[in-house]
Protein backbone atom coordinates (compact mmCIF):
# COMPACT_ATOMS: atom_id res chain seq x y z
CA UNK A 1 0.00 0.00 0.00
CA UNK A 2 1.64 3.19 -1.18
CA UNK A 3 -0.83 5.72 0.19
CA UNK A 4 -3.86 6.00 2.46
CA UNK A 5 -6.55 8.48 1.48
CA UNK A 6 -8.86 9.87 4.18
CA UNK A 7 -12.18 11.25 2.96
CA UNK A 8 -15.89 11.60 3.46
CA UNK A 9 -17.54 8.73 1.65
CA UNK A 10 -19.61 9.84 -1.33
CA UNK A 11 -20.64 6.70 -3.21
CA UNK A 12 -22.93 3.83 -2.32
CA UNK A 13 -20.11 1.38 -3.09
CA UNK A 14 -17.84 3.10 -0.52
CA UNK A 15 -20.63 3.11 2.08
CA UNK A 16 -21.14 -0.64 1.53
CA UNK A 17 -17.39 -1.16 2.02
CA UNK A 18 -17.60 0.81 5.29
CA UNK A 19 -20.42 -1.47 6.42
CA UNK A 20 -18.30 -4.52 5.52
CA UNK A 21 -15.37 -3.22 7.60
CA UNK A 22 -17.69 -2.54 10.53
CA UNK A 23 -19.15 -6.03 10.18
CA UNK A 24 -15.69 -7.59 10.30
CA UNK A 25 -14.76 -5.64 13.44
CA UNK A 26 -18.00 -5.49 15.47
CA UNK A 27 -19.77 -8.72 14.44
CA UNK A 28 -17.00 -11.16 13.53
CA UNK A 29 -14.06 -10.02 15.68
CA UNK A 30 -15.63 -8.44 18.76
CA UNK A 31 -18.96 -10.30 18.65
CA UNK A 32 -20.78 -7.21 19.94
CA UNK A 33 -23.63 -7.81 17.52
CA UNK A 34 -25.13 -11.08 16.36
CA UNK A 35 -25.97 -10.24 12.74
CA UNK A 36 -25.25 -6.57 11.99
CA UNK A 37 -24.13 -3.36 13.66
CA UNK A 38 -26.22 -1.23 11.31
CA UNK A 39 -28.87 0.95 12.92
CA UNK A 40 -31.20 3.91 12.43
CA UNK A 41 -28.31 6.41 12.41
CA UNK A 42 -26.64 4.99 9.29
CA UNK A 43 -29.01 6.56 6.77
CA UNK A 44 -28.33 10.13 7.90
CA UNK A 45 -24.73 9.71 9.07
CA UNK A 46 -21.61 11.08 7.50
CA UNK A 47 -19.37 8.12 6.81
CA UNK A 48 -15.63 8.74 6.73
CA UNK A 49 -13.14 6.24 5.34
CA UNK A 50 -9.46 5.44 5.08
CA UNK A 51 -8.89 4.10 1.58
CA UNK A 52 -5.97 2.12 0.18
CA UNK A 53 -4.86 4.14 -2.86
CA UNK A 54 -3.51 1.02 -4.63
CA UNK A 55 -6.88 -0.68 -5.05
CA UNK A 56 -9.28 2.07 -3.85
CA UNK A 57 -10.72 -0.24 -1.16
CA UNK A 58 -11.94 1.06 2.21
CA UNK A 59 -9.65 -0.22 4.96
CA UNK A 60 -11.11 1.59 8.00
CA UNK A 61 -14.08 3.81 8.83
CA UNK A 62 -15.95 5.99 11.33
CA UNK A 63 -19.34 7.69 11.18
CA UNK A 64 -20.75 10.94 12.58
CA UNK A 65 -24.38 11.79 13.10
CA UNK A 66 -26.32 14.71 14.48
CA UNK A 67 -28.69 14.08 17.38
CA UNK A 68 -29.81 17.58 18.28
CA UNK A 69 -29.12 21.21 17.59
CA UNK A 70 -25.32 21.46 17.39
CA UNK A 71 -24.84 18.06 19.06
CA UNK A 72 -23.08 15.32 17.14
CA UNK A 73 -21.93 11.80 17.95
CA UNK A 74 -19.07 9.83 16.51
CA UNK A 75 -19.52 6.09 16.42
CA UNK A 76 -18.53 2.81 14.83
CA UNK A 77 -14.82 3.62 14.55
CA UNK A 78 -13.66 0.39 12.89
CA UNK A 79 -9.98 -0.23 12.25
CA UNK A 80 -9.22 -3.88 11.47
CA UNK A 81 -6.40 -5.49 13.47
CA UNK A 82 -3.89 -5.36 10.63
CA UNK A 83 -4.17 -1.55 10.49
CA UNK A 84 -4.31 -0.68 14.20
CA UNK A 85 -0.56 -0.15 14.42
CA UNK A 86 -0.09 1.07 10.85
CA UNK A 87 2.47 3.86 10.72
CA UNK A 88 0.00 6.22 9.02
CA UNK A 89 -1.98 6.34 12.28
CA UNK A 90 -5.29 5.54 10.63
CA UNK A 91 -7.46 5.68 13.75
CA UNK A 92 -6.07 9.04 14.81
CA UNK A 93 -6.58 10.59 11.39
CA UNK A 94 -10.13 9.25 11.09
CA UNK A 95 -10.97 10.81 14.48
CA UNK A 96 -9.40 14.16 13.58
CA UNK A 97 -11.24 14.28 10.26
CA UNK A 98 -14.47 13.47 12.13
CA UNK A 99 -13.82 16.40 14.50
CA UNK A 100 -13.20 18.76 11.58
CA UNK A 101 -16.27 17.50 9.75
CA UNK A 102 -18.69 18.10 12.61
CA UNK A 103 -17.11 21.43 13.55
CA UNK A 104 -17.65 22.63 9.98
CA UNK A 105 -21.31 21.72 10.33
CA UNK A 106 -21.75 23.83 13.45
CA UNK A 107 -21.24 21.24 16.18
CA UNK A 108 -20.84 22.70 19.65
CA UNK A 109 -20.53 19.25 21.22
CA UNK A 110 -19.03 16.10 19.74
CA UNK A 111 -19.58 13.00 21.84
CA UNK A 112 -18.91 9.29 21.55
CA UNK A 113 -19.44 6.16 23.61
CA UNK A 114 -15.99 4.60 23.75
CA UNK A 115 -15.24 1.00 24.65
CA UNK A 116 -13.38 0.93 27.96
CA UNK A 117 -10.18 -0.48 26.43
CA UNK A 118 -10.04 2.46 23.98
CA UNK A 119 -10.45 5.31 26.49
CA UNK A 120 -6.69 6.01 26.72
CA UNK A 121 -6.49 6.29 22.92
CA UNK A 122 -9.16 9.02 22.99
CA UNK A 123 -7.62 10.74 26.01
CA UNK A 124 -4.41 11.09 23.96
CA UNK A 125 -6.58 12.85 21.34
CA UNK A 126 -7.67 15.24 24.14
CA UNK A 127 -11.16 13.82 24.54
CA UNK A 128 -12.58 14.10 28.08
CA UNK A 129 -14.64 11.58 30.04
CA UNK A 130 -18.25 12.55 30.69
CA UNK A 131 -20.10 10.92 33.59
CA UNK A 132 -19.59 7.27 34.53
CA UNK A 133 -19.24 4.22 32.24
CA UNK A 134 -22.39 2.47 30.99
CA UNK A 135 -23.13 -0.85 29.32
CA UNK A 136 -23.85 -0.82 25.58
CA UNK A 137 -24.33 -4.05 23.65
CA UNK A 138 -22.94 -6.03 26.59
CA UNK A 139 -19.69 -4.05 26.68
CA UNK A 140 -18.70 -1.26 29.08
CA UNK A 141 -18.47 2.13 27.33
CA UNK A 142 -17.35 5.56 28.53
CA UNK A 143 -19.11 8.65 27.20
CA UNK A 144 -16.41 11.06 26.03
CA UNK A 145 -16.36 14.50 24.43
CA UNK A 146 -13.95 16.08 21.99
CA UNK A 147 -12.81 19.61 22.55
CA UNK A 148 -14.01 21.60 19.56
CA UNK A 149 -13.06 24.94 21.10
CA UNK A 150 -9.75 25.07 19.24
CA UNK A 151 -11.49 24.49 15.93
CA UNK A 152 -11.19 27.98 14.49
CA UNK A 153 -11.41 28.49 10.76
CA UNK A 154 -7.63 28.81 10.62
CA UNK A 155 -7.02 25.54 12.48
CA UNK A 156 -9.74 23.79 10.48
CA UNK A 157 -8.10 24.83 7.21
CA UNK A 158 -4.67 23.81 8.47
CA UNK A 159 -5.91 20.39 9.61
CA UNK A 160 -7.84 19.90 6.38
CA UNK A 161 -4.67 20.32 4.38
CA UNK A 162 -3.10 17.57 6.47
CA UNK A 163 -6.03 15.21 6.64
CA UNK A 164 -8.57 15.60 3.83
CA UNK A 165 -7.38 13.99 1.75
CA UNK A 166 -4.22 12.79 3.41
CA UNK A 167 -1.72 10.79 1.45
CA UNK A 168 0.71 8.80 3.54
CA UNK A 169 3.40 6.47 2.33
CA UNK A 170 3.37 2.98 3.73
């Protein structure tokens, strides 16, 4: 893989590939869901993908959806095992692009329910814990919030140049 492209998904084929990645992570690997992880948020969500530039296949994904006025949630961050330690830092870049995406759409709050074992990853991204952990789908999750305060137009434009699209050598 020569490059990884990070972008908002804009074709049905790419969305289906995102669903396939999520299925492999949440249904097959983690067994959080019996048949599918798809839900009512998928139809109106913004799906973001990391794409292998060699074959144009989605290799990782995250989605963002609005739940109220200026309140957004990130969810279904799915990075298959073989890419979790990839030097292009796929998970980090997907999360940063998600933050930029919701900030551009007027988000004042960006929240996510994070599996307990992934809390430190999000804390390194400067997300903060909100309240106490809860059970979701039989797994303990921590509600966390991204700091969007530093998302000025200047920082958004600077981050966009780095992340959307981002080309990274492998």
